[in-house]
Amino acid sequence: MKKQITIAALFSLFSGIASAHPGHGLDSAYAGFMHPLTGWDHLLVMLAIGVWAAKLCGKARWQLPLTFVAIMAMGAVLGLSDLGFAHVETAIAASVMAMGVLLIMRLPMSKMMQLSITAMFALLHGMAHGAELQLQSSSAAIVGMLVATAMLHSLGFLMASQRVKLALWFNNSFACLLLFVGGYLLLG
């Protein structure tokens, strides 16, 4: 049953949501919600944070995703304020590759280092989202973005928490996908 739910959740990421009647005040929240789901760089890193959190023990399992969401909100405010920096997209592409390396290497590191890496990536992604959502410039867009981010963290966590054999296969395959897409984004 868990496997079927995981597969259904994965497929739902790639399906469109019907917007038959725009103009009900949800356009901005919808745009914010869809933003992390429609860019490979954002989608993969947010899933990867959940996968990474699933591999940890104790409080770090929830602190990593929570830190990401909180710092990403601050980054979005900076992005809305035009306080970003010129090479944020390159830094985001590098974050995709870095998450691949972190997942495949499984390097031991302190909780402070884990939280610092998470916060740095969250700030970058938040700044990019904020800059791209400037046209929406509403709190609803940011809330939508944060809800989608938390959902992606949860999905990554759930997928990495499956049976040991499946989780190991998923972790290695997902890490390779991150490395491939990150390399493509950096070189392309």
C-alpha atoms as a PDB file:
ATOM      1  CA  MET A   1       0.000   0.000   0.000  1.00  0.00           C
ATOM      2  CA  LYS A   2       2.839   2.408   0.880  1.00  0.00           C
ATOM      3  CA  LYS A   3       4.451   1.719  -2.483  1.00  0.00           C
ATOM      4  CA  GLN A   4       1.235   2.555  -4.342  1.00  0.00           C
ATOM      5  CA  ILE A   5       0.817   5.802  -2.413  1.00  0.00           C
ATOM      6  CA  THR A   6       4.416   6.772  -3.172  1.00  0.00           C
ATOM      7  CA  ILE A   7       3.972   6.051  -6.881  1.00  0.00           C
ATOM      8  CA  ALA A   8       0.693   7.992  -6.988  1.00  0.00           C
ATOM      9  CA  ALA A   9       2.350  10.941  -5.231  1.00  0.00           C
ATOM     10  CA  LEU A  10       5.203  10.894  -7.750  1.00  0.00           C
ATOM     11  CA  PHE A  11       2.854  10.902 -10.718  1.00  0.00           C
ATOM     12  CA  SER A  12       0.823  13.734  -9.219  1.00  0.00           C
ATOM     13  CA  LEU A  13       3.925  15.939  -9.353  1.00  0.00           C
ATOM     14  CA  PHE A  14       3.866  15.786 -13.121  1.00  0.00           C
ATOM     15  CA  SER A  15       0.157  16.258 -13.712  1.00  0.00           C
ATOM     16  CA  GLY A  16      -1.378  19.648 -14.335  1.00  0.00           C
ATOM     17  CA  ILE A  17      -3.901  21.169 -11.967  1.00  0.00           C
ATOM     18  CA  ALA A  18      -7.136  22.362 -13.550  1.00  0.00           C
ATOM     19  CA  SER A  19      -7.731  26.098 -13.335  1.00  0.00           C
ATOM     20  CA  ALA A  20     -11.118  26.316 -14.946  1.00  0.00           C
ATOM     21  CA  HIS A  21     -12.143  29.505 -13.184  1.00  0.00           C
ATOM     22  CA  PRO A  22      -9.270  31.923 -12.551  1.00  0.00           C
ATOM     23  CA  GLY A  23      -9.794  35.128 -10.646  1.00  0.00           C
ATOM     24  CA  HIS A  24     -10.955  33.757  -7.306  1.00  0.00           C
ATOM     25  CA  GLY A  25      -8.055  35.272  -5.404  1.00  0.00           C
ATOM     26  CA  LEU A  26      -6.049  32.065  -5.581  1.00  0.00           C
ATOM     27  CA  ASP A  27      -4.068  32.889  -8.713  1.00  0.00           C
ATOM     28  CA  SER A  28      -1.153  34.208  -6.704  1.00  0.00           C
ATOM     29  CA  ALA A  29      -1.137  31.270  -4.258  1.00  0.00           C
ATOM     30  CA  TYR A  30      -1.447  28.872  -7.186  1.00  0.00           C
ATOM     31  CA  ALA A  31       1.510  30.485  -8.972  1.00  0.00           C
ATOM     32  CA  GLY A  32       3.578  30.281  -5.796  1.00  0.00           C
ATOM     33  CA  PHE A  33       2.576  26.656  -5.217  1.00  0.00           C
ATOM     34  CA  MET A  34       3.371  25.601  -8.775  1.00  0.00           C
ATOM     35  CA  HIS A  35       6.701  27.407  -8.944  1.00  0.00           C
ATOM     36  CA  PRO A  36       8.784  24.783  -7.065  1.00  0.00           C
ATOM     37  CA  LEU A  37       7.023  21.992  -8.966  1.00  0.00           C
ATOM     38  CA  THR A  38       7.787  23.297 -12.447  1.00  0.00           C
ATOM     39  CA  GLY A  39      11.546  23.776 -12.299  1.00  0.00           C
ATOM     40  CA  TRP A  40      13.812  20.735 -12.170  1.00  0.00           C
ATOM     41  CA  ASP A  41      16.422  22.545 -10.099  1.00  0.00           C
ATOM     42  CA  HIS A  42      13.981  23.519  -7.357  1.00  0.00           C
ATOM     43  CA  LEU A  43      12.022  20.263  -7.480  1.00  0.00           C
ATOM     44  CA  LEU A  44      15.102  18.061  -7.147  1.00  0.00           C
ATOM     45  CA  VAL A  45      16.766  19.986  -4.317  1.00  0.00           C
ATOM     46  CA  MET A  46      13.551  20.115  -2.303  1.00  0.00           C
ATOM     47  CA  LEU A  47      13.023  16.373  -2.724  1.00  0.00           C
ATOM     48  CA  ALA A  48      16.700  15.842  -1.863  1.00  0.00           C
ATOM     49  CA  ILE A  49      16.365  17.705   1.441  1.00  0.00           C
ATOM     50  CA  GLY A  50      13.610  15.257   2.410  1.00  0.00           C
ATOM     51  CA  VAL A  51      15.724  12.288   1.306  1.00  0.00           C
ATOM     52  CA  TRP A  52      18.706  13.592   3.280  1.00  0.00           C
ATOM     53  CA  ALA A  53      16.557  14.187   6.363  1.00  0.00           C
ATOM     54  CA  ALA A  54      15.274  10.595   6.198  1.00  0.00           C
ATOM     55  CA  LYS A  55      18.858   9.342   6.457  1.00  0.00           C
ATOM     56  CA  LEU A  56      19.517  11.263   9.675  1.00  0.00           C
ATOM     57  CA  CYS A  57      18.680  10.474  13.282  1.00  0.00           C
ATOM     58  CA  GLY A  58      16.881  12.352  16.015  1.00  0.00           C
ATOM     59  CA  LYS A  59      15.846  15.981  15.749  1.00  0.00           C
ATOM     60  CA  ALA A  60      17.797  16.530  12.534  1.00  0.00           C
ATOM     61  CA  ARG A  61      15.108  14.540  10.694  1.00  0.00           C
ATOM     62  CA  TRP A  62      12.672  17.427  11.127  1.00  0.00           C
ATOM     63  CA  GLN A  63      15.122  20.289  11.665  1.00  0.00           C
ATOM     64  CA  LEU A  64      16.581  20.117   8.146  1.00  0.00           C
ATOM     65  CA  PRO A  65      13.257  20.514   6.299  1.00  0.00           C
ATOM     66  CA  LEU A  66      11.992  23.090   8.801  1.00  0.00           C
ATOM     67  CA  THR A  67      15.203  25.112   8.457  1.00  0.00           C
ATOM     68  CA  PHE A  68      14.907  24.959   4.676  1.00  0.00           C
ATOM     69  CA  VAL A  69      11.322  26.270   4.692  1.00  0.00           C
ATOM     70  CA  ALA A  70      12.061  29.050   7.215  1.00  0.00           C
ATOM     71  CA  ILE A  71      15.239  30.300   5.514  1.00  0.00           C
ATOM     72  CA  MET A  72      13.639  29.983   2.087  1.00  0.00           C
ATOM     73  CA  ALA A  73      10.877  32.345   3.263  1.00  0.00           C
ATOM     74  CA  MET A  74      13.539  34.887   4.249  1.00  0.00           C
ATOM     75  CA  GLY A  75      15.274  34.405   0.903  1.00  0.00           C
ATOM     76  CA  ALA A  76      11.982  34.983  -0.917  1.00  0.00           C
ATOM     77  CA  VAL A  77      11.557  38.309   0.867  1.00  0.00           C
ATOM     78  CA  LEU A  78      15.099  39.267  -0.188  1.00  0.00           C
ATOM     79  CA  GLY A  79      14.304  38.218  -3.759  1.00  0.00           C
ATOM     80  CA  LEU A  80      11.102  40.267  -3.787  1.00  0.00           C
ATOM     81  CA  SER A  81      13.167  43.240  -2.588  1.00  0.00           C
ATOM     82  CA  ASP A  82      15.668  42.861  -5.443  1.00  0.00           C
ATOM     83  CA  LEU A  83      18.422  42.054  -2.956  1.00  0.00           C
ATOM     84  CA  GLY A  84      19.525  38.934  -4.820  1.00  0.00           C
ATOM     85  CA  PHE A  85      22.822  38.460  -6.584  1.00  0.00           C
ATOM     86  CA  ALA A  86      23.640  38.056 -10.254  1.00  0.00           C
ATOM     87  CA  HIS A  87      24.686  34.403 -10.306  1.00  0.00           C
ATOM     88  CA  VAL A  88      21.922  32.892  -8.187  1.00  0.00           C
ATOM     89  CA  GLU A  89      20.877  30.471 -10.973  1.00  0.00           C
ATOM     90  CA  THR A  90      24.426  29.123 -11.272  1.00  0.00           C
ATOM     91  CA  ALA A  91      24.581  28.711  -7.496  1.00  0.00           C
ATOM     92  CA  ILE A  92      21.249  26.853  -7.577  1.00  0.00           C
ATOM     93  CA  ALA A  93      22.564  24.502 -10.279  1.00  0.00           C
ATOM     94  CA  ALA A  94      25.594  23.877  -8.072  1.00  0.00           C
ATOM     95  CA  SER A  95      23.247  23.113  -5.158  1.00  0.00           C
ATOM     96  CA  VAL A  96      21.627  20.358  -7.251  1.00  0.00           C
ATOM     97  CA  MET A  97      25.026  18.747  -7.815  1.00  0.00           C
ATOM     98  CA  ALA A  98      26.070  19.268  -4.202  1.00  0.00           C
ATOM     99  CA  MET A  99      22.957  17.467  -2.962  1.00  0.00           C
ATOM    100  CA  GLY A 100      23.809  14.579  -5.283  1.00  0.00           C
ATOM    101  CA  VAL A 101      27.314  14.418  -3.836  1.00  0.00           C
ATOM    102  CA  LEU A 102      25.996  14.601  -0.259  1.00  0.00           C
ATOM    103  CA  LEU A 103      23.532  11.772  -0.856  1.00  0.00           C
ATOM    104  CA  ILE A 104      25.906   9.477  -2.714  1.00  0.00           C
ATOM    105  CA  MET A 105      28.968  10.032  -0.513  1.00  0.00           C
ATOM    106  CA  ARG A 106      27.086   9.918   2.803  1.00  0.00           C
ATOM    107  CA  LEU A 107      29.840  11.940   4.437  1.00  0.00           C
ATOM    108  CA  PRO A 108      29.664  12.187   8.216  1.00  0.00           C
ATOM    109  CA  MET A 109      29.213  15.783   9.336  1.00  0.00           C
ATOM    110  CA  SER A 110      28.040  17.678  12.365  1.00  0.00           C
ATOM    111  CA  LYS A 111      24.435  18.742  12.742  1.00  0.00           C
ATOM    112  CA  MET A 112      25.566  22.377  12.552  1.00  0.00           C
ATOM    113  CA  MET A 113      27.203  21.699   9.174  1.00  0.00           C
ATOM    114  CA  GLN A 114      24.053  19.944   7.919  1.00  0.00           C
ATOM    115  CA  LEU A 115      21.888  22.871   9.010  1.00  0.00           C
ATOM    116  CA  SER A 116      24.325  25.409   7.506  1.00  0.00           C
ATOM    117  CA  ILE A 117      24.339  23.673   4.120  1.00  0.00           C
ATOM    118  CA  THR A 118      20.553  23.420   4.230  1.00  0.00           C
ATOM    119  CA  ALA A 119      20.206  27.108   5.136  1.00  0.00           C
ATOM    120  CA  MET A 120      22.579  28.207   2.364  1.00  0.00           C
ATOM    121  CA  PHE A 121      20.679  26.229  -0.284  1.00  0.00           C
ATOM    122  CA  ALA A 122      17.335  27.446   1.079  1.00  0.00           C
ATOM    123  CA  LEU A 123      18.443  31.078   0.935  1.00  0.00           C
ATOM    124  CA  LEU A 124      19.529  30.686  -2.698  1.00  0.00           C
ATOM    125  CA  HIS A 125      16.310  28.973  -3.735  1.00  0.00           C
ATOM    126  CA  GLY A 126      14.220  31.492  -1.799  1.00  0.00           C
ATOM    127  CA  MET A 127      15.969  34.451  -3.441  1.00  0.00           C
ATOM    128  CA  ALA A 128      15.373  32.970  -6.879  1.00  0.00           C
ATOM    129  CA  HIS A 129      11.726  32.220  -6.122  1.00  0.00           C
ATOM    130  CA  GLY A 130      11.184  35.688  -4.691  1.00  0.00           C
ATOM    131  CA  ALA A 131      12.734  37.365  -7.729  1.00  0.00           C
ATOM    132  CA  GLU A 132      10.649  35.221 -10.089  1.00  0.00           C
ATOM    133  CA  LEU A 133       7.454  35.821  -8.112  1.00  0.00           C
ATOM    134  CA  GLN A 134       7.896  39.618  -8.089  1.00  0.00           C
ATOM    135  CA  LEU A 135       4.955  40.007 -10.451  1.00  0.00           C
ATOM    136  CA  GLN A 136       2.746  38.256  -7.905  1.00  0.00           C
ATOM    137  CA  SER A 137       4.325  40.184  -5.002  1.00  0.00           C
ATOM    138  CA  SER A 138       1.876  38.862  -2.488  1.00  0.00           C
ATOM    139  CA  SER A 139       2.136  36.881   0.675  1.00  0.00           C
ATOM    140  CA  ALA A 140      -0.199  34.287  -0.903  1.00  0.00           C
ATOM    141  CA  ALA A 141       2.441  33.469  -3.535  1.00  0.00           C
ATOM    142  CA  ILE A 142       5.084  32.963  -0.860  1.00  0.00           C
ATOM    143  CA  VAL A 143       2.749  30.820   1.255  1.00  0.00           C
ATOM    144  CA  GLY A 144       1.916  28.691  -1.798  1.00  0.00           C
ATOM    145  CA  MET A 145       5.614  28.253  -2.516  1.00  0.00           C
ATOM    146  CA  LEU A 146       6.358  27.251   1.090  1.00  0.00           C
ATOM    147  CA  VAL A 147       3.497  24.725   1.174  1.00  0.00           C
ATOM    148  CA  ALA A 148       4.743  23.083  -2.039  1.00  0.00           C
ATOM    149  CA  THR A 149       8.274  23.026  -0.627  1.00  0.00           C
ATOM    150  CA  ALA A 150       7.151  21.310   2.578  1.00  0.00           C
ATOM    151  CA  MET A 151       5.187  18.785   0.526  1.00  0.00           C
ATOM    152  CA  LEU A 152       8.254  18.007  -1.602  1.00  0.00           C
ATOM    153  CA  HIS A 153      10.374  17.548   1.531  1.00  0.00           C
ATOM    154  CA  SER A 154       7.738  15.148   2.869  1.00  0.00           C
ATOM    155  CA  LEU A 155       7.599  13.206  -0.385  1.00  0.00           C
ATOM    156  CA  GLY A 156      11.390  12.851  -0.485  1.00  0.00           C
ATOM    157  CA  PHE A 157      11.383  11.744   3.147  1.00  0.00           C
ATOM    158  CA  LEU A 158       8.637   9.188   2.490  1.00  0.00           C
ATOM    159  CA  MET A 159      10.355   7.757  -0.577  1.00  0.00           C
ATOM    160  CA  ALA A 160      13.693   7.411   1.212  1.00  0.00           C
ATOM    161  CA  SER A 161      12.029   5.766   4.215  1.00  0.00           C
ATOM    162  CA  GLN A 162      10.732   2.740   2.290  1.00  0.00           C
ATOM    163  CA  ARG A 163      12.066  -0.785   2.791  1.00  0.00           C
ATOM    164  CA  VAL A 164      15.848  -0.919   3.095  1.00  0.00           C
ATOM    165  CA  LYS A 165      16.502  -2.424  -0.353  1.00  0.00           C
ATOM    166  CA  LEU A 166      14.142  -0.026  -2.119  1.00  0.00           C
ATOM    167  CA  ALA A 167      15.403   2.961  -0.110  1.00  0.00           C
ATOM    168  CA  LEU A 168      19.032   2.183  -0.980  1.00  0.00           C
ATOM    169  CA  TRP A 169      18.193   1.806  -4.674  1.00  0.00           C
ATOM    170  CA  PHE A 170      16.159   5.028  -4.586  1.00  0.00           C
ATOM    171  CA  ASN A 171      18.896   6.943  -2.749  1.00  0.00           C
ATOM    172  CA  ASN A 172      21.601   5.912  -5.222  1.00  0.00           C
ATOM    173  CA  SER A 173      19.417   6.466  -8.300  1.00  0.00           C
ATOM    174  CA  PHE A 174      18.204   9.829  -7.033  1.00  0.00           C
ATOM    175  CA  ALA A 175      21.749  10.959  -6.194  1.00  0.00           C
ATOM    176  CA  CYS A 176      22.862  10.065  -9.742  1.00  0.00           C
ATOM    177  CA  LEU A 177      19.910  12.009 -11.165  1.00  0.00           C
ATOM    178  CA  LEU A 178      20.923  15.036  -9.078  1.00  0.00           C
ATOM    179  CA  LEU A 179      24.508  14.815 -10.333  1.00  0.00           C
ATOM    180  CA  PHE A 180      23.384  14.487 -13.952  1.00  0.00           C
ATOM    181  CA  VAL A 181      20.851  17.334 -13.853  1.00  0.00           C
ATOM    182  CA  GLY A 182      23.186  19.567 -11.821  1.00  0.00           C
ATOM    183  CA  GLY A 183      25.992  18.997 -14.326  1.00  0.00           C
ATOM    184  CA  TYR A 184      23.645  19.676 -17.229  1.00  0.00           C
ATOM    185  CA  LEU A 185      22.419  22.909 -15.629  1.00  0.00           C
ATOM    186  CA  LEU A 186      25.961  24.084 -14.923  1.00  0.00           C
ATOM    187  CA  LEU A 187      27.250  23.261 -18.409  1.00  0.00           C
ATOM    188  CA  GLY A 188      24.095  24.132 -20.360  1.00  0.00           C
END
